[in-house]
Amino acid sequence: MGVGATAMQRIRYGLTGLAFVFLMVLLGTAIIRSGDDTANSNVQANVAAEPNEPLAELGVAPGQGAENEVLNTPAPPTP
């Protein structure tokens, strides 16, 4: 084995180790993110359940509910 063969062997071992570390980090990230999905879906469900206009529901501020839509529609023309 010459100097060139030893250098190539070290490079091959280094690249193999680097690929192994990359795959381990990738696998760890996938496992961690899969655990976060259930927490994120619960948060998104809670956000979707919140009212769009909480002040209007309390009667503090006017909202765009069905009552306002009826009041803002123009009257039909009389024949």
PDB file of N, CA and C in Angstrom:
ATOM      1  N   MET A   1       0.836  -1.162   0.000  1.00  0.00           N
ATOM      2  CA  MET A   1       0.000   0.000   0.000  1.00  0.00           C
ATOM      3  C   MET A   1       0.885   1.231   0.000  1.00  0.00           C
ATOM      4  N   GLY A   2       0.619   2.092  -0.961  1.00  0.00           N
ATOM      5  CA  GLY A   2       1.424   3.301  -1.055  1.00  0.00           C
ATOM      6  C   GLY A   2       0.753   4.456  -0.324  1.00  0.00           C
ATOM      7  N   VAL A   3       1.362   5.613  -0.456  1.00  0.00           N
ATOM      8  CA  VAL A   3       0.842   6.815   0.206  1.00  0.00           C
ATOM      9  C   VAL A   3      -0.490   7.218  -0.415  1.00  0.00           C
ATOM     10  N   GLY A   4      -0.648   7.095  -1.714  1.00  0.00           N
ATOM     11  CA  GLY A   4      -1.886   7.458  -2.391  1.00  0.00           C
ATOM     12  C   GLY A   4      -3.046   6.570  -1.974  1.00  0.00           C
ATOM     13  N   ALA A   5      -2.788   5.274  -1.801  1.00  0.00           N
ATOM     14  CA  ALA A   5      -3.850   4.349  -1.405  1.00  0.00           C
ATOM     15  C   ALA A   5      -4.298   4.625   0.029  1.00  0.00           C
ATOM     16  N   THR A   6      -3.378   4.971   0.889  1.00  0.00           N
ATOM     17  CA  THR A   6      -3.731   5.277   2.277  1.00  0.00           C
ATOM     18  C   THR A   6      -4.566   6.557   2.343  1.00  0.00           C
ATOM     19  N   ALA A   7      -4.195   7.535   1.552  1.00  0.00           N
ATOM     20  CA  ALA A   7      -4.955   8.785   1.525  1.00  0.00           C
ATOM     21  C   ALA A   7      -6.366   8.545   0.999  1.00  0.00           C
ATOM     22  N   MET A   8      -6.497   7.736  -0.052  1.00  0.00           N
ATOM     23  CA  MET A   8      -7.832   7.437  -0.591  1.00  0.00           C
ATOM     24  C   MET A   8      -8.674   6.670   0.417  1.00  0.00           C
ATOM     25  N   GLN A   9      -8.049   5.773   1.172  1.00  0.00           N
ATOM     26  CA  GLN A   9      -8.778   5.013   2.180  1.00  0.00           C
ATOM     27  C   GLN A   9      -9.276   5.944   3.287  1.00  0.00           C
ATOM     28  N   ARG A  10      -8.458   6.897   3.699  1.00  0.00           N
ATOM     29  CA  ARG A  10      -8.874   7.851   4.729  1.00  0.00           C
ATOM     30  C   ARG A  10     -10.014   8.739   4.222  1.00  0.00           C
ATOM     31  N   ILE A  11      -9.923   9.139   2.982  1.00  0.00           N
ATOM     32  CA  ILE A  11     -11.005   9.956   2.401  1.00  0.00           C
ATOM     33  C   ILE A  11     -12.288   9.151   2.339  1.00  0.00           C
ATOM     34  N   ARG A  12     -12.195   7.889   1.936  1.00  0.00           N
ATOM     35  CA  ARG A  12     -13.379   7.026   1.863  1.00  0.00           C
ATOM     36  C   ARG A  12     -13.998   6.842   3.241  1.00  0.00           C
ATOM     37  N   TYR A  13     -13.172   6.617   4.272  1.00  0.00           N
ATOM     38  CA  TYR A  13     -13.694   6.471   5.638  1.00  0.00           C
ATOM     39  C   TYR A  13     -14.332   7.777   6.122  1.00  0.00           C
ATOM     40  N   GLY A  14     -13.719   8.889   5.795  1.00  0.00           N
ATOM     41  CA  GLY A  14     -14.262  10.177   6.202  1.00  0.00           C
ATOM     42  C   GLY A  14     -15.603  10.466   5.561  1.00  0.00           C
ATOM     43  N   LEU A  15     -15.714  10.200   4.272  1.00  0.00           N
ATOM     44  CA  LEU A  15     -16.982  10.424   3.580  1.00  0.00           C
ATOM     45  C   LEU A  15     -18.071   9.468   4.063  1.00  0.00           C
ATOM     46  N   THR A  16     -17.679   8.231   4.357  1.00  0.00           N
ATOM     47  CA  THR A  16     -18.648   7.271   4.889  1.00  0.00           C
ATOM     48  C   THR A  16     -19.146   7.724   6.253  1.00  0.00           C
ATOM     49  N   GLY A  17     -18.264   8.198   7.095  1.00  0.00           N
ATOM     50  CA  GLY A  17     -18.663   8.711   8.411  1.00  0.00           C
ATOM     51  C   GLY A  17     -19.543   9.937   8.295  1.00  0.00           C
ATOM     52  N   LEU A  18     -19.203  10.819   7.371  1.00  0.00           N
ATOM     53  CA  LEU A  18     -20.008  12.022   7.161  1.00  0.00           C
ATOM     54  C   LEU A  18     -21.415  11.661   6.671  1.00  0.00           C
ATOM     55  N   ALA A  19     -21.511  10.708   5.771  1.00  0.00           N
ATOM     56  CA  ALA A  19     -22.819  10.257   5.283  1.00  0.00           C
ATOM     57  C   ALA A  19     -23.621   9.616   6.414  1.00  0.00           C
ATOM     58  N   PHE A  20     -22.957   8.848   7.277  1.00  0.00           N
ATOM     59  CA  PHE A  20     -23.630   8.209   8.408  1.00  0.00           C
ATOM     60  C   PHE A  20     -24.179   9.265   9.367  1.00  0.00           C
ATOM     61  N   VAL A  21     -23.386  10.268   9.686  1.00  0.00           N
ATOM     62  CA  VAL A  21     -23.834  11.331  10.589  1.00  0.00           C
ATOM     63  C   VAL A  21     -25.001  12.092   9.961  1.00  0.00           C
ATOM     64  N   PHE A  22     -24.924  12.377   8.672  1.00  0.00           N
ATOM     65  CA  PHE A  22     -26.011  13.066   7.979  1.00  0.00           C
ATOM     66  C   PHE A  22     -27.308  12.263   8.060  1.00  0.00           C
ATOM     67  N   LEU A  23     -27.231  10.972   7.832  1.00  0.00           N
ATOM     68  CA  LEU A  23     -28.433  10.133   7.894  1.00  0.00           C
ATOM     69  C   LEU A  23     -28.987  10.056   9.312  1.00  0.00           C
ATOM     70  N   MET A  24     -28.125  10.029  10.306  1.00  0.00           N
ATOM     71  CA  MET A  24     -28.596   9.984  11.692  1.00  0.00           C
ATOM     72  C   MET A  24     -29.306  11.296  12.071  1.00  0.00           C
ATOM     73  N   VAL A  25     -28.761  12.422  11.651  1.00  0.00           N
ATOM     74  CA  VAL A  25     -29.410  13.705  11.925  1.00  0.00           C
ATOM     75  C   VAL A  25     -30.748  13.787  11.196  1.00  0.00           C
ATOM     76  N   LEU A  26     -30.794  13.316   9.972  1.00  0.00           N
ATOM     77  CA  LEU A  26     -32.030  13.311   9.202  1.00  0.00           C
ATOM     78  C   LEU A  26     -33.088  12.440   9.880  1.00  0.00           C
ATOM     79  N   LEU A  27     -32.697  11.286  10.343  1.00  0.00           N
ATOM     80  CA  LEU A  27     -33.621  10.388  11.034  1.00  0.00           C
ATOM     81  C   LEU A  27     -34.102  11.002  12.348  1.00  0.00           C
ATOM     82  N   GLY A  28     -33.191  11.601  13.094  1.00  0.00           N
ATOM     83  CA  GLY A  28     -33.580  12.244  14.355  1.00  0.00           C
ATOM     84  C   GLY A  28     -34.548  13.388  14.136  1.00  0.00           C
ATOM     85  N   THR A  29     -34.331  14.172  13.112  1.00  0.00           N
ATOM     86  CA  THR A  29     -35.230  15.277  12.803  1.00  0.00           C
ATOM     87  C   THR A  29     -36.610  14.757  12.419  1.00  0.00           C
ATOM     88  N   ALA A  30     -36.646  13.692  11.651  1.00  0.00           N
ATOM     89  CA  ALA A  30     -37.943  13.119  11.251  1.00  0.00           C
ATOM     90  C   ALA A  30     -38.705  12.600  12.462  1.00  0.00           C
ATOM     91  N   ILE A  31     -38.006  11.999  13.403  1.00  0.00           N
ATOM     92  CA  ILE A  31     -38.665  11.475  14.600  1.00  0.00           C
ATOM     93  C   ILE A  31     -39.181  12.617  15.464  1.00  0.00           C
ATOM     94  N   ILE A  32     -38.389  13.657  15.624  1.00  0.00           N
ATOM     95  CA  ILE A  32     -38.802  14.785  16.451  1.00  0.00           C
ATOM     96  C   ILE A  32     -39.996  15.496  15.828  1.00  0.00           C
ATOM     97  N   ARG A  33     -39.981  15.685  14.521  1.00  0.00           N
ATOM     98  CA  ARG A  33     -41.093  16.384  13.858  1.00  0.00           C
ATOM     99  C   ARG A  33     -42.368  15.566  13.883  1.00  0.00           C
ATOM    100  N   SER A  34     -42.267  14.255  13.838  1.00  0.00           N
ATOM    101  CA  SER A  34     -43.483  13.443  13.867  1.00  0.00           C
ATOM    102  C   SER A  34     -44.150  13.544  15.232  1.00  0.00           C
ATOM    103  N   GLY A  35     -43.389  13.758  16.288  1.00  0.00           N
ATOM    104  CA  GLY A  35     -43.965  13.950  17.612  1.00  0.00           C
ATOM    105  C   GLY A  35     -44.619  15.300  17.761  1.00  0.00           C
ATOM    106  N   ASP A  36     -44.166  16.313  17.033  1.00  0.00           N
ATOM    107  CA  ASP A  36     -44.725  17.658  17.104  1.00  0.00           C
ATOM    108  C   ASP A  36     -46.020  17.784  16.323  1.00  0.00           C
ATOM    109  N   ASP A  37     -46.305  16.894  15.396  1.00  0.00           N
ATOM    110  CA  ASP A  37     -47.492  17.002  14.561  1.00  0.00           C
ATOM    111  C   ASP A  37     -48.773  16.946  15.381  1.00  0.00           C
ATOM    112  N   THR A  38     -48.824  16.091  16.401  1.00  0.00           N
ATOM    113  CA  THR A  38     -50.042  15.994  17.205  1.00  0.00           C
ATOM    114  C   THR A  38     -50.250  17.263  18.005  1.00  0.00           C
ATOM    115  N   ALA A  39     -49.186  17.865  18.500  1.00  0.00           N
ATOM    116  CA  ALA A  39     -49.318  19.109  19.253  1.00  0.00           C
ATOM    117  C   ALA A  39     -49.768  20.236  18.342  1.00  0.00           C
ATOM    118  N   ASN A  40     -49.246  20.302  17.130  1.00  0.00           N
ATOM    119  CA  ASN A  40     -49.632  21.351  16.198  1.00  0.00           C
ATOM    120  C   ASN A  40     -51.071  21.193  15.746  1.00  0.00           C
ATOM    121  N   SER A  41     -51.541  19.971  15.562  1.00  0.00           N
ATOM    122  CA  SER A  41     -52.917  19.786  15.125  1.00  0.00           C
ATOM    123  C   SER A  41     -53.891  20.196  16.219  1.00  0.00           C
ATOM    124  N   ASN A  42     -53.530  19.972  17.491  1.00  0.00           N
ATOM    125  CA  ASN A  42     -54.387  20.410  18.589  1.00  0.00           C
ATOM    126  C   ASN A  42     -54.439  21.925  18.666  1.00  0.00           C
ATOM    127  N   VAL A  43     -53.320  22.582  18.450  1.00  0.00           N
ATOM    128  CA  VAL A  43     -53.286  24.044  18.472  1.00  0.00           C
ATOM    129  C   VAL A  43     -54.109  24.596  17.329  1.00  0.00           C
ATOM    130  N   GLN A  44     -53.997  24.012  16.143  1.00  0.00           N
ATOM    131  CA  GLN A  44     -54.763  24.485  15.003  1.00  0.00           C
ATOM    132  C   GLN A  44     -56.252  24.265  15.213  1.00  0.00           C
ATOM    133  N   ALA A  45     -56.639  23.186  15.866  1.00  0.00           N
ATOM    134  CA  ALA A  45     -58.050  22.936  16.136  1.00  0.00           C
ATOM    135  C   ALA A  45     -58.593  23.973  17.112  1.00  0.00           C
ATOM    136  N   ASN A  46     -57.796  24.365  18.102  1.00  0.00           N
ATOM    137  CA  ASN A  46     -58.224  25.381  19.053  1.00  0.00           C
ATOM    138  C   ASN A  46     -58.339  26.743  18.392  1.00  0.00           C
ATOM    139  N   VAL A  47     -57.440  27.058  17.484  1.00  0.00           N
ATOM    140  CA  VAL A  47     -57.492  28.340  16.785  1.00  0.00           C
ATOM    141  C   VAL A  47     -58.734  28.395  15.905  1.00  0.00           C
ATOM    142  N   ALA A  48     -59.069  27.296  15.259  1.00  0.00           N
ATOM    143  CA  ALA A  48     -60.236  27.270  14.385  1.00  0.00           C
ATOM    144  C   ALA A  48     -61.524  27.376  15.193  1.00  0.00           C
ATOM    145  N   ALA A  49     -61.521  26.921  16.451  1.00  0.00           N
ATOM    146  CA  ALA A  49     -62.719  26.949  17.266  1.00  0.00           C
ATOM    147  C   ALA A  49     -62.967  28.327  17.879  1.00  0.00           C
ATOM    148  N   GLU A  50     -61.959  29.201  17.914  1.00  0.00           N
ATOM    149  CA  GLU A  50     -62.131  30.521  18.486  1.00  0.00           C
ATOM    150  C   GLU A  50     -63.032  31.370  17.587  1.00  0.00           C
ATOM    151  N   PRO A  51     -63.824  32.230  18.186  1.00  0.00           N
ATOM    152  CA  PRO A  51     -64.706  33.075  17.373  1.00  0.00           C
ATOM    153  C   PRO A  51     -63.909  34.125  16.610  1.00  0.00           C
ATOM    154  N   ASN A  52     -64.447  34.529  15.471  1.00  0.00           N
ATOM    155  CA  ASN A  52     -63.775  35.528  14.654  1.00  0.00           C
ATOM    156  C   ASN A  52     -63.900  36.921  15.246  1.00  0.00           C
ATOM    157  N   GLU A  53     -65.016  37.210  15.887  1.00  0.00           N
ATOM    158  CA  GLU A  53     -65.260  38.529  16.454  1.00  0.00           C
ATOM    159  C   GLU A  53     -65.724  38.382  17.902  1.00  0.00           C
ATOM    160  N   PRO A  54     -64.793  38.215  18.831  1.00  0.00           N
ATOM    161  CA  PRO A  54     -65.205  37.998  20.223  1.00  0.00           C
ATOM    162  C   PRO A  54     -65.896  39.211  20.831  1.00  0.00           C
ATOM    163  N   LEU A  55     -65.544  40.421  20.426  1.00  0.00           N
ATOM    164  CA  LEU A  55     -66.216  41.600  20.967  1.00  0.00           C
ATOM    165  C   LEU A  55     -67.661  41.673  20.498  1.00  0.00           C
ATOM    166  N   ALA A  56     -67.908  41.274  19.266  1.00  0.00           N
ATOM    167  CA  ALA A  56     -69.277  41.289  18.756  1.00  0.00           C
ATOM    168  C   ALA A  56     -70.136  40.263  19.482  1.00  0.00           C
ATOM    169  N   GLU A  57     -69.558  39.151  19.852  1.00  0.00           N
ATOM    170  CA  GLU A  57     -70.327  38.136  20.580  1.00  0.00           C
ATOM    171  C   GLU A  57     -70.674  38.608  21.983  1.00  0.00           C
ATOM    172  N   LEU A  58     -69.806  39.441  22.570  1.00  0.00           N
ATOM    173  CA  LEU A  58     -70.087  39.976  23.899  1.00  0.00           C
ATOM    174  C   LEU A  58     -71.028  41.170  23.832  1.00  0.00           C
ATOM    175  N   GLY A  59     -71.262  41.715  22.654  1.00  0.00           N
ATOM    176  CA  GLY A  59     -72.128  42.869  22.502  1.00  0.00           C
ATOM    177  C   GLY A  59     -71.414  44.181  22.739  1.00  0.00           C
ATOM    178  N   VAL A  60     -70.089  44.168  22.768  1.00  0.00           N
ATOM    179  CA  VAL A  60     -69.312  45.378  23.023  1.00  0.00           C
ATOM    180  C   VAL A  60     -69.100  46.167  21.748  1.00  0.00           C
ATOM    181  N   ALA A  61     -68.913  45.490  20.632  1.00  0.00           N
ATOM    182  CA  ALA A  61     -68.653  46.161  19.360  1.00  0.00           C
ATOM    183  C   ALA A  61     -69.569  45.565  18.304  1.00  0.00           C
ATOM    184  N   PRO A  62     -69.932  46.356  17.313  1.00  0.00           N
ATOM    185  CA  PRO A  62     -70.790  45.807  16.256  1.00  0.00           C
ATOM    186  C   PRO A  62     -70.034  44.791  15.419  1.00  0.00           C
ATOM    187  N   GLY A  63     -70.712  43.760  15.034  1.00  0.00           N
ATOM    188  CA  GLY A  63     -70.089  42.711  14.228  1.00  0.00           C
ATOM    189  C   GLY A  63     -70.744  42.617  12.867  1.00  0.00           C
ATOM    190  N   GLN A  64     -70.310  41.661  12.075  1.00  0.00           N
ATOM    191  CA  GLN A  64     -70.857  41.443  10.742  1.00  0.00           C
ATOM    192  C   GLN A  64     -71.774  40.229  10.758  1.00  0.00           C
ATOM    193  N   GLY A  65     -72.576  40.087  11.787  1.00  0.00           N
ATOM    194  CA  GLY A  65     -73.466  38.951  11.912  1.00  0.00           C
ATOM    195  C   GLY A  65     -74.659  39.056  10.981  1.00  0.00           C
ATOM    196  N   ALA A  66     -75.586  38.119  11.115  1.00  0.00           N
ATOM    197  CA  ALA A  66     -76.775  38.077  10.261  1.00  0.00           C
ATOM    198  C   ALA A  66     -77.667  39.287  10.504  1.00  0.00           C
ATOM    199  N   GLU A  67     -77.683  39.812  11.747  1.00  0.00           N
ATOM    200  CA  GLU A  67     -78.529  40.967  12.046  1.00  0.00           C
ATOM    201  C   GLU A  67     -78.068  42.185  11.253  1.00  0.00           C
ATOM    202  N   ASN A  68     -76.782  42.425  11.195  1.00  0.00           N
ATOM    203  CA  ASN A  68     -76.261  43.573  10.462  1.00  0.00           C
ATOM    204  C   ASN A  68     -76.464  43.409   8.968  1.00  0.00           C
ATOM    205  N   GLU A  69     -76.381  42.207   8.472  1.00  0.00           N
ATOM    206  CA  GLU A  69     -76.574  41.990   7.043  1.00  0.00           C
ATOM    207  C   GLU A  69     -78.016  42.300   6.640  1.00  0.00           C
ATOM    208  N   VAL A  70     -78.962  41.941   7.491  1.00  0.00           N
ATOM    209  CA  VAL A  70     -80.364  42.215   7.198  1.00  0.00           C
ATOM    210  C   VAL A  70     -80.605  43.714   7.234  1.00  0.00           C
ATOM    211  N   LEU A  71     -80.013  44.421   8.184  1.00  0.00           N
ATOM    212  CA  LEU A  71     -80.220  45.861   8.308  1.00  0.00           C
ATOM    213  C   LEU A  71     -79.549  46.636   7.185  1.00  0.00           C
ATOM    214  N   ASN A  72     -78.459  46.124   6.637  1.00  0.00           N
ATOM    215  CA  ASN A  72     -77.714  46.841   5.611  1.00  0.00           C
ATOM    216  C   ASN A  72     -78.191  46.550   4.196  1.00  0.00           C
ATOM    217  N   THR A  73     -79.075  45.595   3.997  1.00  0.00           N
ATOM    218  CA  THR A  73     -79.556  45.293   2.657  1.00  0.00           C
ATOM    219  C   THR A  73     -80.608  46.315   2.244  1.00  0.00           C
ATOM    220  N   PRO A  74     -80.564  46.794   1.025  1.00  0.00           N
ATOM    221  CA  PRO A  74     -81.560  47.783   0.605  1.00  0.00           C
ATOM    222  C   PRO A  74     -82.929  47.132   0.464  1.00  0.00           C
ATOM    223  N   ALA A  75     -83.938  47.935   0.692  1.00  0.00           N
ATOM    224  CA  ALA A  75     -85.314  47.438   0.582  1.00  0.00           C
ATOM    225  C   ALA A  75     -85.643  47.200  -0.885  1.00  0.00           C
ATOM    226  N   PRO A  76     -86.449  46.200  -1.187  1.00  0.00           N
ATOM    227  CA  PRO A  76     -86.840  45.955  -2.573  1.00  0.00           C
ATOM    228  C   PRO A  76     -87.735  47.078  -3.061  1.00  0.00           C
ATOM    229  N   PRO A  77     -87.648  47.395  -4.336  1.00  0.00           N
ATOM    230  CA  PRO A  77     -88.494  48.475  -4.868  1.00  0.00           C
ATOM    231  C   PRO A  77     -89.965  48.086  -4.822  1.00  0.00           C
ATOM    232  N   THR A  78     -90.778  49.070  -4.531  1.00  0.00           N
ATOM    233  CA  THR A  78     -92.234  48.812  -4.483  1.00  0.00           C
ATOM    234  C   THR A  78     -92.814  49.013  -5.873  1.00  0.00           C
ATOM    235  N   PRO A  79     -93.714  48.159  -6.281  1.00  0.00           N
ATOM    236  CA  PRO A  79     -94.299  48.271  -7.641  1.00  0.00           C
ATOM    237  C   PRO A  79     -95.325  49.330  -7.772  1.00  0.00           C
TER     238      PRO A  79
END
